[in-house]
Amino acid sequence: MLNQPFFIPASLFMLFALPLILGLIPPNQFYGVRTKKTLASSQIWYKANRYGGWVLLISSLIYPAVAYLFPTTAEDLGRWLVHLSAFVVPLLLSLFFINRYIKTLTP
């Protein structure tokens, strides 16, 4: 599994999501869901980051499942593109869902 092209980045995203889910990251400029709205209110910061952490964790779990079901080799461009899609598309969707959720939050 470690030889799959996006396994390590997906694993890192999973690890980065855990402190957000647990509410361990205070408002800051470097790590977490950082928007004007989240930085303006601690309450919104923790809600948005807990939600964002869950969404990031779930989206990162999709890649290992695809890598397990469809292992790739260096010569197989088609499979590599499937892996790239399985890594990137869920992350892009997670950005959409996180931004949509933040819009619903009020201080």
C-alpha atoms as a PDB file:
ATOM      1  CA  MET A   1       0.000   0.000   0.000  1.00  0.00           C
ATOM      2  CA  LEU A   2       2.862   2.415   0.729  1.00  0.00           C
ATOM      3  CA  ASN A   3       3.972   2.188  -2.897  1.00  0.00           C
ATOM      4  CA  GLN A   4       0.707   3.722  -4.125  1.00  0.00           C
ATOM      5  CA  PRO A   5       1.301   7.264  -5.443  1.00  0.00           C
ATOM      6  CA  PHE A   6      -0.895   9.299  -3.087  1.00  0.00           C
ATOM      7  CA  PHE A   7      -0.931   7.101   0.009  1.00  0.00           C
ATOM      8  CA  ILE A   8       1.472   9.247   2.038  1.00  0.00           C
ATOM      9  CA  PRO A   9      -0.235  12.587   1.231  1.00  0.00           C
ATOM     10  CA  ALA A  10      -3.650  11.062   2.024  1.00  0.00           C
ATOM     11  CA  SER A  11      -2.273   9.735   5.318  1.00  0.00           C
ATOM     12  CA  LEU A  12      -0.879  13.165   6.197  1.00  0.00           C
ATOM     13  CA  PHE A  13      -4.253  14.783   5.546  1.00  0.00           C
ATOM     14  CA  MET A  14      -5.833  12.210   7.870  1.00  0.00           C
ATOM     15  CA  LEU A  15      -3.312  13.072  10.580  1.00  0.00           C
ATOM     16  CA  PHE A  16      -3.823  16.817  10.084  1.00  0.00           C
ATOM     17  CA  ALA A  17      -7.586  16.338  10.437  1.00  0.00           C
ATOM     18  CA  LEU A  18      -7.481  14.719  13.885  1.00  0.00           C
ATOM     19  CA  PRO A  19      -6.460  17.792  15.951  1.00  0.00           C
ATOM     20  CA  LEU A  20      -9.126  19.811  14.131  1.00  0.00           C
ATOM     21  CA  ILE A  21     -11.812  17.247  14.966  1.00  0.00           C
ATOM     22  CA  LEU A  22     -10.731  17.194  18.609  1.00  0.00           C
ATOM     23  CA  GLY A  23     -10.795  20.992  18.869  1.00  0.00           C
ATOM     24  CA  LEU A  24      -7.123  21.176  19.824  1.00  0.00           C
ATOM     25  CA  ILE A  25      -6.145  23.960  17.433  1.00  0.00           C
ATOM     26  CA  PRO A  26      -6.873  27.513  18.636  1.00  0.00           C
ATOM     27  CA  PRO A  27      -7.530  30.313  16.153  1.00  0.00           C
ATOM     28  CA  ASN A  28      -4.331  31.078  14.250  1.00  0.00           C
ATOM     29  CA  GLN A  29      -3.028  32.194  10.855  1.00  0.00           C
ATOM     30  CA  PHE A  30      -1.308  28.917   9.887  1.00  0.00           C
ATOM     31  CA  TYR A  31      -3.345  25.758  10.522  1.00  0.00           C
ATOM     32  CA  GLY A  32      -7.050  25.093  10.213  1.00  0.00           C
ATOM     33  CA  VAL A  33      -9.984  26.525   8.303  1.00  0.00           C
ATOM     34  CA  ARG A  34      -8.937  30.171   8.081  1.00  0.00           C
ATOM     35  CA  THR A  35     -11.407  32.706   6.747  1.00  0.00           C
ATOM     36  CA  LYS A  36     -12.367  36.181   7.922  1.00  0.00           C
ATOM     37  CA  LYS A  37     -15.442  34.682   9.554  1.00  0.00           C
ATOM     38  CA  THR A  38     -13.605  31.891  11.403  1.00  0.00           C
ATOM     39  CA  LEU A  39     -10.826  34.198  12.579  1.00  0.00           C
ATOM     40  CA  ALA A  40     -13.356  36.749  13.870  1.00  0.00           C
ATOM     41  CA  SER A  41     -15.043  34.360  16.326  1.00  0.00           C
ATOM     42  CA  SER A  42     -13.640  31.547  18.466  1.00  0.00           C
ATOM     43  CA  GLN A  43     -17.036  29.858  18.475  1.00  0.00           C
ATOM     44  CA  ILE A  44     -17.173  29.810  14.672  1.00  0.00           C
ATOM     45  CA  TRP A  45     -13.497  28.800  14.500  1.00  0.00           C
ATOM     46  CA  TYR A  46     -14.034  25.632  16.536  1.00  0.00           C
ATOM     47  CA  LYS A  47     -17.307  24.678  14.811  1.00  0.00           C
ATOM     48  CA  ALA A  48     -15.855  25.203  11.329  1.00  0.00           C
ATOM     49  CA  ASN A  49     -12.631  23.386  12.128  1.00  0.00           C
ATOM     50  CA  ARG A  50     -14.371  20.432  13.752  1.00  0.00           C
ATOM     51  CA  TYR A  51     -16.612  20.092  10.689  1.00  0.00           C
ATOM     52  CA  GLY A  52     -13.674  20.704   8.344  1.00  0.00           C
ATOM     53  CA  GLY A  53     -11.616  18.071  10.130  1.00  0.00           C
ATOM     54  CA  TRP A  54     -14.340  15.468   9.693  1.00  0.00           C
ATOM     55  CA  VAL A  55     -14.821  16.337   6.036  1.00  0.00           C
ATOM     56  CA  LEU A  56     -11.063  16.228   5.443  1.00  0.00           C
ATOM     57  CA  LEU A  57     -10.765  12.874   7.226  1.00  0.00           C
ATOM     58  CA  ILE A  58     -13.593  11.327   5.221  1.00  0.00           C
ATOM     59  CA  SER A  59     -12.284  12.680   1.918  1.00  0.00           C
ATOM     60  CA  SER A  60      -8.801  11.372   2.732  1.00  0.00           C
ATOM     61  CA  LEU A  61     -10.143   7.879   3.461  1.00  0.00           C
ATOM     62  CA  ILE A  62     -11.445   7.554  -0.095  1.00  0.00           C
ATOM     63  CA  TYR A  63      -7.980   7.320  -1.618  1.00  0.00           C
ATOM     64  CA  PRO A  64      -6.741   4.282   0.382  1.00  0.00           C
ATOM     65  CA  ALA A  65      -9.944   2.439  -0.535  1.00  0.00           C
ATOM     66  CA  VAL A  66      -9.391   3.138  -4.239  1.00  0.00           C
ATOM     67  CA  ALA A  67      -5.690   2.245  -3.951  1.00  0.00           C
ATOM     68  CA  TYR A  68      -6.597  -1.070  -2.334  1.00  0.00           C
ATOM     69  CA  LEU A  69      -9.222  -1.921  -4.952  1.00  0.00           C
ATOM     70  CA  PHE A  70      -7.214  -0.693  -7.957  1.00  0.00           C
ATOM     71  CA  PRO A  71      -3.478  -0.933  -7.256  1.00  0.00           C
ATOM     72  CA  THR A  72      -1.345   0.928  -9.760  1.00  0.00           C
ATOM     73  CA  THR A  73       2.060   0.412 -11.297  1.00  0.00           C
ATOM     74  CA  ALA A  74       4.474   2.958 -12.751  1.00  0.00           C
ATOM     75  CA  GLU A  75       3.639   1.949 -16.339  1.00  0.00           C
ATOM     76  CA  ASP A  76      -0.147   2.252 -16.044  1.00  0.00           C
ATOM     77  CA  LEU A  77      -1.112   5.875 -16.771  1.00  0.00           C
ATOM     78  CA  GLY A  78      -4.847   5.117 -16.730  1.00  0.00           C
ATOM     79  CA  ARG A  79      -4.731   3.705 -13.215  1.00  0.00           C
ATOM     80  CA  TRP A  80      -2.477   6.557 -12.101  1.00  0.00           C
ATOM     81  CA  LEU A  81      -5.116   9.034 -13.316  1.00  0.00           C
ATOM     82  CA  VAL A  82      -7.764   7.122 -11.366  1.00  0.00           C
ATOM     83  CA  HIS A  83      -5.562   7.469  -8.283  1.00  0.00           C
ATOM     84  CA  LEU A  84      -5.012  11.169  -8.918  1.00  0.00           C
ATOM     85  CA  SER A  85      -8.762  11.681  -9.251  1.00  0.00           C
ATOM     86  CA  ALA A  86      -9.467   9.641  -6.118  1.00  0.00           C
ATOM     87  CA  PHE A  87      -7.089  11.905  -4.207  1.00  0.00           C
ATOM     88  CA  VAL A  88      -7.889  15.348  -5.667  1.00  0.00           C
ATOM     89  CA  VAL A  89     -11.654  15.245  -6.327  1.00  0.00           C
ATOM     90  CA  PRO A  90     -12.668  14.426  -2.717  1.00  0.00           C
ATOM     91  CA  LEU A  91     -10.372  17.190  -1.438  1.00  0.00           C
ATOM     92  CA  LEU A  92     -11.927  19.721  -3.810  1.00  0.00           C
ATOM     93  CA  LEU A  93     -15.398  18.602  -2.761  1.00  0.00           C
ATOM     94  CA  SER A  94     -14.393  18.966   0.879  1.00  0.00           C
ATOM     95  CA  LEU A  95     -13.451  22.613   0.239  1.00  0.00           C
ATOM     96  CA  PHE A  96     -16.882  23.173  -1.274  1.00  0.00           C
ATOM     97  CA  PHE A  97     -18.695  21.563   1.683  1.00  0.00           C
ATOM     98  CA  ILE A  98     -16.586  23.384   4.275  1.00  0.00           C
ATOM     99  CA  ASN A  99     -17.206  26.770   2.647  1.00  0.00           C
ATOM    100  CA  ARG A 100     -20.913  26.036   2.386  1.00  0.00           C
ATOM    101  CA  TYR A 101     -21.018  25.084   6.072  1.00  0.00           C
ATOM    102  CA  ILE A 102     -19.178  28.238   7.152  1.00  0.00           C
ATOM    103  CA  LYS A 103     -21.807  30.359   5.406  1.00  0.00           C
ATOM    104  CA  THR A 104     -24.479  28.833   7.676  1.00  0.00           C
ATOM    105  CA  LEU A 105     -22.634  29.715  10.898  1.00  0.00           C
ATOM    106  CA  THR A 106     -23.543  32.784  12.924  1.00  0.00           C
ATOM    107  CA  PRO A 107     -21.613  34.118  15.943  1.00  0.00           C
END
